[in-house]
């Protein structure tokens, strides 16, 4: 083999290796974004002071891929909007299936225990459709926005079906 052929062969091998690395990287990113993590943009102030308007979030999707994982109390989650599935909402989990939620004197009460949520503002009952005390149905969670005075949440639309949860927020970029 001549030097010219050797150089051409070496160049071809290097090019194929680089293409392989790029294709592999793209595949890894696609798998990660589809099944493991995703980023979300928050255009509203319904989660202030925790999540500021125009913030970005990183959500861990893996536990919710098959719709059978229940988030923990106080987790911030993302889920599909029932009225517009192309939209994703962000709220805090206050209660889980079977819990009884009430709103008394501006405070959230779960299973008879007052939640210390004074930093989120006064909580009010804002819907005639949701009757308090409210028992969280099976396979749903009760969520509230941290900006209690300016949030459309479970006080309006009831429990969030667990199979509509898309991720647990693991990082906030305000």
Protein backbone atom coordinates (compact mmCIF):
# COMPACT_ATOMS: atom_id res chain seq x y z
CA UNK A 1 0.00 0.00 0.00
CA UNK A 2 1.37 3.41 -0.96
CA UNK A 3 1.60 6.40 1.36
CA UNK A 4 -1.23 8.06 -0.58
CA UNK A 5 -3.52 5.02 -0.12
CA UNK A 6 -2.54 4.75 3.55
CA UNK A 7 -3.40 8.43 4.15
CA UNK A 8 -6.73 8.04 2.34
CA UNK A 9 -7.56 4.90 4.38
CA UNK A 10 -6.58 6.65 7.63
CA UNK A 11 -8.71 9.70 6.73
CA UNK A 12 -11.71 7.49 5.91
CA UNK A 13 -11.33 5.57 9.18
CA UNK A 14 -11.12 8.80 11.21
CA UNK A 15 -14.15 10.26 9.42
CA UNK A 16 -16.22 7.13 10.07
CA UNK A 17 -15.22 7.16 13.73
CA UNK A 18 -16.28 10.82 14.06
CA UNK A 19 -19.61 10.13 12.37
CA UNK A 20 -20.14 7.21 14.75
CA UNK A 21 -19.45 9.43 17.77
CA UNK A 22 -21.88 12.11 16.54
CA UNK A 23 -24.63 9.59 15.77
CA UNK A 24 -24.09 7.88 19.14
CA UNK A 25 -24.26 11.20 20.97
CA UNK A 26 -27.48 12.18 19.19
CA UNK A 27 -29.05 8.83 20.09
CA UNK A 28 -28.03 9.19 23.76
CA UNK A 29 -29.55 12.70 23.89
CA UNK A 30 -32.79 11.48 22.30
CA UNK A 31 -33.09 8.62 24.80
CA UNK A 32 -32.30 10.92 27.75
CA UNK A 33 -34.83 13.57 26.66
CA UNK A 34 -37.52 10.99 25.94
CA UNK A 35 -37.21 8.80 29.02
CA UNK A 36 -34.98 10.34 31.68
CA UNK A 37 -34.89 14.15 31.88
CA UNK A 38 -36.46 17.13 30.17
CA UNK A 39 -36.46 20.88 30.50
CA UNK A 40 -39.53 23.04 31.01
CA UNK A 41 -40.18 26.77 30.68
CA UNK A 42 -42.44 28.50 33.25
CA UNK A 43 -44.11 31.57 31.71
CA UNK A 44 -46.34 32.43 34.70
CA UNK A 45 -45.98 33.42 38.35
CA UNK A 46 -48.18 30.64 39.80
CA UNK A 47 -45.16 29.04 41.52
CA UNK A 48 -43.47 32.17 42.91
CA UNK A 49 -41.54 32.58 45.17
CA UNK A 50 -40.02 29.13 44.53
CA UNK A 51 -40.07 29.28 40.73
CA UNK A 52 -39.89 32.74 39.23
CA UNK A 53 -41.69 33.83 36.07
CA UNK A 54 -39.69 32.88 32.94
CA UNK A 55 -37.67 30.27 34.86
CA UNK A 56 -36.51 26.98 33.41
CA UNK A 57 -36.84 23.65 35.19
CA UNK A 58 -35.17 20.28 34.79
CA UNK A 59 -37.50 17.39 35.44
CA UNK A 60 -36.72 13.73 36.13
CA UNK A 61 -39.12 11.70 33.97
CA UNK A 62 -38.09 8.10 34.52
CA UNK A 63 -40.32 7.28 37.54
CA UNK A 64 -43.41 8.54 35.69
CA UNK A 65 -42.87 6.94 32.27
CA UNK A 66 -45.32 4.12 32.99
CA UNK A 67 -47.74 6.24 35.06
CA UNK A 68 -47.53 4.14 38.21
CA UNK A 69 -45.26 6.17 40.49
CA UNK A 70 -46.78 8.46 43.13
CA UNK A 71 -44.76 11.59 43.94
CA UNK A 72 -43.93 12.51 47.53
CA UNK A 73 -45.46 15.32 49.57
CA UNK A 74 -44.00 18.72 48.66
CA UNK A 75 -42.51 17.47 45.38
CA UNK A 76 -42.76 19.97 42.56
CA UNK A 77 -44.11 18.10 39.55
CA UNK A 78 -44.95 18.72 35.92
CA UNK A 79 -48.10 17.30 34.36
CA UNK A 80 -50.25 17.59 31.26
CA UNK A 81 -53.00 20.21 31.33
CA UNK A 82 -56.34 18.36 31.01
CA UNK A 83 -57.88 21.16 28.97
CA UNK A 84 -54.91 21.47 26.61
CA UNK A 85 -52.57 18.42 26.60
CA UNK A 86 -49.99 20.37 24.58
CA UNK A 87 -49.39 22.47 27.73
CA UNK A 88 -47.46 21.35 30.79
CA UNK A 89 -48.30 22.70 34.25
CA UNK A 90 -46.01 22.95 37.27
CA UNK A 91 -47.34 22.62 40.84
CA UNK A 92 -46.46 21.33 44.32
CA UNK A 93 -47.90 18.06 45.66
CA UNK A 94 -49.87 18.75 48.83
CA UNK A 95 -51.80 15.50 49.26
CA UNK A 96 -51.83 11.94 47.97
CA UNK A 97 -54.61 9.41 47.28
CA UNK A 98 -56.95 8.97 50.24
CA UNK A 99 -55.79 12.13 52.04
CA UNK A 100 -58.40 14.65 53.18
CA UNK A 101 -57.64 18.28 52.29
CA UNK A 102 -59.35 21.29 53.80
CA UNK A 103 -58.73 25.01 53.73
CA UNK A 104 -59.33 26.74 57.05
CA UNK A 105 -58.61 30.37 57.95
CA UNK A 106 -56.18 30.75 55.05
CA UNK A 107 -54.23 27.56 55.79
CA UNK A 108 -54.08 24.20 54.08
CA UNK A 109 -55.03 21.28 56.34
CA UNK A 110 -54.16 17.72 55.30
CA UNK A 111 -55.55 14.85 57.36
CA UNK A 112 -56.26 17.25 60.23
CA UNK A 113 -52.72 18.68 60.27
CA UNK A 114 -52.13 22.33 59.38
CA UNK A 115 -49.42 22.66 56.74
CA UNK A 116 -46.93 25.40 57.55
CA UNK A 117 -47.07 27.21 54.25
CA UNK A 118 -47.10 30.81 55.36
CA UNK A 119 -44.39 31.78 52.86
CA UNK A 120 -46.78 30.95 50.02
CA UNK A 121 -49.45 33.43 51.07
CA UNK A 122 -53.01 33.01 52.20
CA UNK A 123 -54.80 29.99 50.74
CA UNK A 124 -58.44 30.40 49.80
CA UNK A 125 -61.16 28.23 48.37
CA UNK A 126 -61.56 29.41 44.78
CA UNK A 127 -64.04 27.04 43.16
CA UNK A 128 -67.63 26.10 43.77
CA UNK A 129 -67.02 22.79 41.97
CA UNK A 130 -64.50 21.48 44.53
CA UNK A 131 -66.17 20.84 47.89
CA UNK A 132 -64.04 20.96 51.04
CA UNK A 133 -63.09 18.93 52.91
CA UNK A 134 -61.90 17.16 49.76
CA UNK A 135 -60.85 13.50 49.77
CA UNK A 136 -58.15 12.94 47.16
CA UNK A 137 -59.38 10.19 44.80
CA UNK A 138 -57.34 7.06 44.09
CA UNK A 139 -54.66 7.48 41.41
CA UNK A 140 -54.59 11.27 41.80
CA UNK A 141 -52.67 13.87 43.80
CA UNK A 142 -53.80 17.26 45.11
CA UNK A 143 -51.54 20.08 43.92
CA UNK A 144 -51.23 23.79 44.66
CA UNK A 145 -49.20 26.56 43.13
CA UNK A 146 -46.84 28.25 45.59
CA UNK A 147 -48.36 31.63 44.68
CA UNK A 148 -51.63 30.63 46.33
CA UNK A 149 -53.39 33.88 45.47
CA UNK A 150 -52.64 33.56 41.75
CA UNK A 151 -52.72 29.88 40.83
CA UNK A 152 -55.17 27.65 39.04
CA UNK A 153 -54.64 24.31 40.76
CA UNK A 154 -56.49 21.44 42.47
CA UNK A 155 -58.75 23.99 44.16
CA UNK A 156 -60.15 24.55 40.65
CA UNK A 157 -59.68 21.27 38.74
CA UNK A 158 -59.51 18.66 41.52
CA UNK A 159 -56.98 15.88 41.74
CA UNK A 160 -54.31 15.43 39.09
CA UNK A 161 -54.33 11.92 37.62
CA UNK A 162 -51.01 10.25 38.37
CA UNK A 163 -50.79 8.98 34.78
CA UNK A 164 -50.65 12.61 33.55
CA UNK A 165 -47.55 13.44 35.63
CA UNK A 166 -44.55 13.89 33.35
CA UNK A 167 -41.72 14.56 35.82
CA UNK A 168 -40.47 15.55 39.26
CA UNK A 169 -38.58 18.84 39.20
CA UNK A 170 -34.97 18.29 40.25
CA UNK A 171 -33.46 21.67 39.38
CA UNK A 172 -34.77 25.22 39.05
CA UNK A 173 -32.96 27.84 36.98
CA UNK A 174 -34.47 31.20 38.03
